[in-house]
Protein backbone atom coordinates (compact mmCIF):
# COMPACT_ATOMS: atom_id res chain seq x y z
CA MET A 1 -19.39 18.14 -2.69
CA LYS A 2 -20.28 14.61 -3.78
CA ILE A 3 -19.04 11.70 -1.68
CA ILE A 4 -19.23 7.91 -1.80
CA ALA A 5 -19.65 6.58 1.74
CA ILE A 6 -20.83 3.68 3.86
CA THR A 7 -23.40 3.63 6.65
CA ASP A 8 -23.00 -0.02 7.63
CA SER A 9 -20.73 -3.03 7.07
CA LEU A 10 -22.65 -4.78 4.32
CA PRO A 11 -21.66 -7.46 1.80
CA ILE A 12 -20.37 -5.83 -1.37
CA GLU A 13 -23.13 -7.54 -3.40
CA GLU A 14 -25.80 -5.53 -1.58
CA GLU A 15 -27.19 -2.54 -3.42
CA ASN A 16 -26.71 -0.20 -0.46
CA ALA A 17 -23.15 -1.32 0.40
CA PHE A 18 -22.19 2.21 -0.69
CA LEU A 19 -24.13 5.46 -0.54
CA GLU A 20 -23.81 8.44 -2.89
CA THR A 21 -24.56 11.65 -1.03
CA SER A 22 -23.27 15.18 -0.47
CA ALA A 23 -21.21 16.83 2.25
CA PRO A 24 -19.61 20.23 2.82
CA LYS A 25 -16.10 20.73 1.48
CA PRO A 26 -13.60 19.80 4.22
CA THR A 27 -12.44 22.58 6.50
CA ILE A 28 -8.66 22.73 6.44
CA GLY A 29 -6.34 23.28 9.37
CA PRO A 30 -3.09 25.28 9.30
CA LYS A 31 -1.04 22.27 8.11
CA ASP A 32 -3.64 20.96 5.65
CA LEU A 33 -3.98 20.92 1.89
CA LEU A 34 -7.40 20.91 0.25
CA VAL A 35 -7.02 18.59 -2.74
CA LYS A 36 -9.44 18.23 -5.65
CA ILE A 37 -9.32 14.48 -6.21
CA ASN A 38 -8.66 13.13 -9.71
CA ALA A 39 -8.05 9.46 -8.87
CA VAL A 40 -7.93 6.99 -5.97
CA SER A 41 -6.87 3.37 -5.64
CA ILE A 42 -8.40 0.58 -3.59
CA ASN A 43 -6.31 -1.23 -0.97
CA PRO A 44 -7.07 -4.16 1.34
CA VAL A 45 -7.41 -1.61 4.17
CA ASP A 46 -10.46 -0.17 2.35
CA ILE A 47 -12.06 -3.62 2.42
CA LYS A 48 -11.10 -4.19 6.06
CA VAL A 49 -12.56 -0.86 7.23
CA ARG A 50 -15.71 -1.28 5.13
CA THR A 51 -16.42 -4.75 6.49
CA SER A 52 -15.57 -4.02 10.14
CA SER A 53 -16.89 -0.51 10.85
CA GLY A 54 -20.43 -1.56 11.72
CA SER A 55 -23.41 0.78 11.69
CA GLN A 56 -22.54 4.49 11.32
CA GLU A 57 -24.59 7.45 12.58
CA GLU A 58 -23.02 9.62 9.86
CA PRO A 59 -21.81 8.48 6.42
CA LYS A 60 -18.20 7.31 6.61
CA ILE A 61 -15.90 8.15 3.70
CA LEU A 62 -13.31 5.49 2.86
CA GLY A 63 -10.28 5.83 0.59
CA TRP A 64 -6.67 6.66 1.35
CA ASP A 65 -4.52 6.47 -1.79
CA ALA A 66 -5.22 9.60 -3.82
CA ALA A 67 -3.86 11.89 -6.52
CA GLY A 68 -5.19 15.33 -7.34
CA THR A 69 -4.62 19.08 -7.49
CA ILE A 70 -4.19 21.51 -4.59
CA GLU A 71 -7.10 23.97 -4.43
CA ASP A 72 -6.36 25.60 -1.06
CA MET A 73 -3.89 25.29 1.81
CA GLY A 74 -3.35 26.23 5.43
CA SER A 75 -1.13 29.00 6.76
CA GLU A 76 1.66 26.66 7.95
CA VAL A 77 2.04 24.63 4.75
CA GLU A 78 5.52 24.63 3.25
CA GLY A 79 6.84 23.46 -0.12
CA PHE A 80 3.54 23.47 -2.03
CA SER A 81 1.54 25.93 -4.12
CA ILE A 82 -2.09 26.10 -5.19
CA GLY A 83 -2.41 24.20 -8.46
CA ASP A 84 0.33 21.64 -7.68
CA ALA A 85 -0.40 18.05 -8.69
CA VAL A 86 0.14 15.77 -5.67
CA TYR A 87 -0.21 12.18 -4.47
CA TYR A 88 -0.41 10.64 -1.00
CA ALA A 89 -1.81 7.85 1.19
CA GLY A 90 -3.79 9.89 3.71
CA ASP A 91 -4.52 9.38 7.40
CA ILE A 92 -6.77 6.53 8.57
CA THR A 93 -8.08 8.63 11.48
CA ARG A 94 -9.59 11.25 9.11
CA PRO A 95 -12.32 11.08 6.43
CA GLY A 96 -11.07 9.38 3.28
CA SER A 97 -10.55 10.41 -0.32
CA ASN A 98 -13.62 8.85 -1.98
CA ALA A 99 -14.98 12.35 -2.54
CA GLU A 100 -14.60 15.35 -4.80
CA TYR A 101 -12.35 17.12 -2.27
CA HIS A 102 -10.10 15.91 0.52
CA ALA A 103 -8.20 17.56 3.38
CA VAL A 104 -4.78 16.08 4.18
CA ASP A 105 -1.74 17.10 6.25
CA TYR A 106 0.93 18.41 3.87
CA ARG A 107 3.67 16.50 5.71
CA ILE A 108 2.50 13.17 4.25
CA VAL A 109 2.00 14.53 0.71
CA ALA A 110 4.40 14.72 -2.25
CA HIS A 111 4.39 16.12 -5.75
CA LYS A 112 2.98 13.62 -8.23
CA PRO A 113 5.52 11.97 -10.56
CA SER A 114 5.48 14.20 -13.64
CA SER A 115 5.71 11.22 -15.98
CA LEU A 116 2.48 9.66 -14.70
CA ASP A 117 -1.13 10.70 -15.09
CA PHE A 118 -3.29 10.93 -11.97
CA LYS A 119 -4.72 7.42 -12.17
CA ASP A 120 -1.34 5.69 -12.45
CA ALA A 121 0.09 7.89 -9.68
CA ALA A 122 -2.82 7.06 -7.35
CA ALA A 123 -1.80 3.39 -7.39
CA LEU A 124 1.52 4.07 -5.65
CA PRO A 125 1.50 5.93 -2.30
CA LEU A 126 0.26 3.45 0.33
CA THR A 127 2.14 0.49 -1.11
CA ALA A 128 5.30 2.52 -1.75
CA ILE A 129 5.35 3.79 1.84
CA THR A 130 4.72 0.29 3.22
CA ALA A 131 7.47 -1.21 1.08
CA TRP A 132 9.94 1.59 1.86
CA GLU A 133 9.37 1.37 5.61
CA THR A 134 9.70 -2.42 5.44
CA LEU A 135 13.00 -2.43 3.57
CA PHE A 136 14.75 0.68 4.83
CA ASP A 137 13.25 1.48 8.25
CA HIS A 138 12.77 -2.01 9.65
CA MET A 139 15.23 -4.22 7.75
CA LYS A 140 17.68 -1.29 7.46
CA LEU A 141 18.82 -2.38 4.01
CA THR A 142 21.27 -0.39 1.91
CA LYS A 143 22.74 -0.61 -1.59
CA GLU A 144 25.48 -2.82 -0.11
CA SER A 145 23.00 -5.29 1.44
CA THR A 146 23.29 -8.81 0.00
CA GLY A 147 21.57 -12.13 0.59
CA ASN A 148 18.08 -13.37 -0.25
CA LEU A 149 14.80 -11.50 0.22
CA PHE A 150 11.66 -13.65 0.06
CA VAL A 151 8.48 -11.75 -0.85
CA ASN A 152 5.52 -13.80 0.37
CA GLY A 153 2.79 -12.39 -1.87
CA GLY A 154 4.79 -10.93 -4.74
CA ALA A 155 2.00 -9.98 -7.14
CA GLY A 156 -0.02 -7.80 -4.76
CA GLY A 157 0.28 -4.04 -4.47
CA VAL A 158 2.87 -4.03 -1.67
CA GLY A 159 4.73 -7.08 -2.98
CA SER A 160 5.07 -5.36 -6.36
CA MET A 161 6.69 -2.34 -4.72
CA ILE A 162 8.90 -4.45 -2.43
CA ILE A 163 10.33 -6.21 -5.49
CA GLN A 164 10.96 -2.99 -7.40
CA LEU A 165 12.50 -1.06 -4.49
CA ALA A 166 14.68 -3.98 -3.41
CA LYS A 167 16.07 -4.33 -6.94
CA ALA A 168 16.57 -0.57 -7.27
CA LYS A 169 18.14 0.22 -3.90
CA THR A 170 19.81 -2.98 -2.58
CA SER A 171 22.02 -5.78 -3.89
CA LEU A 172 19.67 -8.52 -2.69
CA THR A 173 18.48 -11.49 -4.68
CA VAL A 174 14.66 -11.24 -4.73
CA ILE A 175 12.53 -14.39 -4.55
CA ALA A 176 8.77 -13.85 -4.94
CA SER A 177 5.89 -16.23 -4.31
CA ALA A 178 3.15 -16.55 -6.93
CA SER A 179 1.03 -19.45 -8.17
CA ARG A 180 -0.96 -18.40 -11.23
CA GLU A 181 0.80 -17.82 -14.56
CA GLU A 182 -0.46 -14.22 -14.64
CA SER A 183 0.97 -13.43 -11.21
CA ARG A 184 4.26 -15.20 -11.96
CA GLU A 185 4.71 -13.11 -15.11
CA TRP A 186 3.87 -9.95 -13.16
CA CYS A 187 6.53 -10.70 -10.54
CA LYS A 188 9.10 -11.19 -13.30
CA LYS A 189 8.04 -7.87 -14.84
CA MET A 190 8.55 -6.18 -11.45
CA GLY A 191 12.10 -7.58 -11.39
CA ALA A 192 12.02 -10.73 -9.21
CA ASP A 193 15.04 -12.99 -9.74
CA TYR A 194 13.19 -16.21 -8.85
CA ILE A 195 9.55 -17.22 -8.47
CA VAL A 196 8.33 -19.96 -6.10
CA ASP A 197 4.83 -21.44 -5.89
CA HIS A 198 3.19 -20.75 -2.51
CA HIS A 199 0.68 -23.53 -3.17
CA GLN A 200 3.57 -25.98 -3.05
CA GLU A 201 5.85 -26.72 -0.10
CA LEU A 202 8.03 -23.61 0.32
CA ALA A 203 10.91 -25.05 2.31
CA SER A 204 12.26 -27.29 -0.46
CA GLN A 205 11.89 -24.53 -3.07
CA LEU A 206 13.70 -21.97 -0.92
CA ARG A 207 16.36 -24.45 0.19
CA GLU A 208 17.46 -24.82 -3.42
CA LEU A 209 18.04 -21.04 -3.42
CA ASP A 210 19.95 -20.99 -0.08
CA GLY A 211 16.98 -19.93 2.04
CA ALA A 212 15.89 -16.41 2.96
CA ASP A 213 17.77 -13.84 5.04
CA TYR A 214 14.87 -11.39 4.88
CA VAL A 215 11.15 -12.09 4.49
CA PHE A 216 8.30 -9.74 3.70
CA SER A 217 4.97 -11.42 4.39
CA ALA A 218 1.50 -10.33 3.34
CA TYR A 219 0.08 -13.74 4.40
CA THR A 220 1.44 -14.78 7.79
CA THR A 221 -1.55 -16.32 9.58
CA GLY A 222 -0.91 -20.02 10.16
CA LYS A 223 2.36 -19.91 8.24
CA GLU A 224 4.75 -19.11 11.10
CA GLU A 225 6.45 -22.52 11.17
CA GLU A 226 6.74 -22.64 7.38
CA LEU A 227 8.24 -19.14 7.22
CA ALA A 228 10.64 -19.91 10.09
CA GLU A 229 11.77 -23.03 8.25
CA VAL A 230 12.66 -21.16 5.05
CA MET A 231 14.56 -18.42 6.92
CA ASN A 232 18.24 -18.41 7.72
CA PRO A 233 19.44 -17.82 11.32
CA GLN A 234 19.33 -14.21 12.56
CA GLY A 235 17.08 -13.20 9.70
CA HIS A 236 14.36 -10.55 9.73
CA LEU A 237 10.63 -11.02 9.01
CA VAL A 238 8.34 -8.04 8.43
CA LEU A 239 4.61 -8.74 8.23
CA ILE A 240 1.72 -6.52 7.18
CA ASP A 241 -1.29 -8.75 7.86
CA ASP A 242 -3.07 -9.04 11.21
CA PRO A 243 -2.80 -12.55 12.66
CA GLU A 244 -5.15 -12.92 15.64
CA SER A 245 -2.30 -14.76 17.32
CA LEU A 246 1.32 -15.18 16.28
CA ASN A 247 3.44 -18.20 17.16
CA ILE A 248 6.58 -16.25 17.98
CA GLY A 249 8.15 -19.43 19.33
CA ALA A 250 8.58 -20.69 15.79
CA PHE A 251 11.18 -17.98 15.19
CA LYS A 252 13.07 -18.16 18.50
CA PRO A 253 15.52 -21.01 17.74
CA LYS A 254 16.95 -19.04 14.81
CA SER A 255 16.86 -15.67 16.66
CA ILE A 256 14.73 -14.21 13.89
CA THR A 257 13.57 -10.62 14.31
CA VAL A 258 9.82 -10.22 13.74
CA THR A 259 8.42 -6.75 13.01
CA PRO A 260 4.88 -5.62 12.16
CA GLU A 261 4.61 -2.77 9.64
CA PHE A 262 1.72 -0.29 9.65
CA MET A 263 2.21 2.69 7.38
CA PHE A 264 -0.43 4.81 9.14
CA THR A 265 1.56 4.93 12.42
CA ARG A 266 3.26 8.26 11.70
CA SER A 267 0.05 10.10 10.80
CA MET A 268 -2.06 8.41 13.51
CA PHE A 269 0.28 9.57 16.26
CA GLU A 270 1.67 12.68 14.54
CA THR A 271 5.19 11.48 15.24
CA GLU A 272 8.06 13.96 15.12
CA ASP A 273 9.20 12.44 11.84
CA MET A 274 5.75 12.51 10.22
CA ASP A 275 7.16 14.47 7.27
CA TYR A 276 9.37 11.46 6.47
CA GLN A 277 6.50 10.03 4.42
CA GLY A 278 6.18 13.12 2.25
CA LYS A 279 9.94 13.11 1.64
CA LEU A 280 9.84 9.38 0.93
CA LEU A 281 7.14 9.86 -1.71
CA GLU A 282 9.20 12.64 -3.32
CA GLU A 283 12.04 10.12 -3.68
CA VAL A 284 9.65 7.55 -5.13
CA ALA A 285 8.46 10.15 -7.66
CA THR A 286 12.06 10.70 -8.74
CA LEU A 287 12.55 6.93 -9.17
CA VAL A 288 9.39 6.79 -11.28
CA ASP A 289 10.37 9.75 -13.43
CA ASN A 290 13.85 8.36 -14.14
CA GLY A 291 12.35 5.01 -15.17
CA THR A 292 13.58 2.97 -12.20
CA ILE A 293 10.08 2.16 -10.84
CA LYS A 294 6.83 1.51 -12.70
CA SER A 295 3.28 2.23 -11.61
CA THR A 296 1.54 -0.92 -10.39
CA ALA A 297 -1.92 0.07 -11.69
CA THR A 298 -3.43 -2.76 -13.70
CA GLU A 299 -7.22 -2.32 -13.59
CA TYR A 300 -9.05 0.95 -14.18
CA PHE A 301 -12.56 2.10 -13.30
CA SER A 302 -14.13 5.51 -13.89
CA GLY A 303 -16.61 7.71 -12.07
CA LEU A 304 -17.42 8.89 -8.55
CA LYS A 305 -20.39 6.52 -8.48
CA VAL A 306 -21.71 3.75 -6.24
CA ASP A 307 -21.53 1.13 -8.97
CA THR A 308 -17.91 1.98 -9.73
CA PHE A 309 -16.83 1.59 -6.11
CA ARG A 310 -18.82 -1.59 -5.68
CA GLN A 311 -17.13 -3.15 -8.73
CA ALA A 312 -13.66 -2.01 -7.66
CA HIS A 313 -14.08 -3.33 -4.10
CA GLN A 314 -15.42 -6.58 -5.47
CA ARG A 315 -12.27 -7.03 -7.56
CA VAL A 316 -9.95 -6.43 -4.60
CA GLU A 317 -12.01 -8.77 -2.38
CA THR A 318 -11.36 -11.67 -4.76
CA SER A 319 -7.65 -11.62 -3.76
CA HIS A 320 -6.79 -12.46 -7.36
CA VAL A 321 -5.83 -8.94 -8.40
CA VAL A 322 -2.35 -8.46 -9.81
CA GLY A 323 -1.04 -4.98 -8.98
CA LYS A 324 -3.57 -2.26 -8.11
CA VAL A 325 -7.18 -1.29 -8.88
CA VAL A 326 -7.68 2.41 -9.64
CA ILE A 327 -10.71 4.70 -9.96
CA SER A 328 -10.48 8.05 -11.76
CA TYR A 329 -13.08 10.85 -11.69
């Protein structure tokens, strides 16, 4: 099969940042699906792994978000049939989905929303899981939950899903941060009640809206004191970035709970509730099909080719992408 891989951590501008080569079809285990890939989307984790992996003895396949069709499956797979259209976010410890075929544990896979094509479905899994775990696992929000949720980074892939899920499944007021007109309009489209400018002082803007009881942060590094200031006492902050150090003392006076979210935890450690992610994505598919949630795909590329992946990665690296970048093939 054809794959797009890396052999070193090179700047995206370099011609050999990606390599097009061939590899055997993945061998599946008893709990695996073999999926023929129709579309993938690019996430910040793709950029992080590409730029930090270093020199590789064997080509390394990136890519986690994927949508495609089941071609084969292991003896212990339940709930799926050959030919089913599926979507999922994969396992960071296994080869990725930037290939013609991909092996993935069925417990983290769901049936693709029937109302979406493959490319729009591929935009959803990783960000939907991250947003769901943030809101309902960590913050433990319900339909009866009230107060203010501040989304620090509202126009990104995860922020877009946080806004939509919070509006669909809680009674919170959602405040999103965005600076450019394009990103502000996107946050409104996703359902945010208020937009604040993260290039301006946040505290005064949030104070006018009675502060934040819950905060989702995609950009935490160096912002601990600012985030603590905008939060109400006994609030909850969930962060998805990787600060080299975190000033936890900034949150102590208000007894704020601080939780990191990493959506690959369940698959990395094969936790007992690993199938929770597959079930979660089935629920997301239902919300999409009944019109509650929209796909966050905004930019489309085509072809399992080096140039395509270089262009798509370059777009995500700019940090100015609204929604998600998708590649179909």
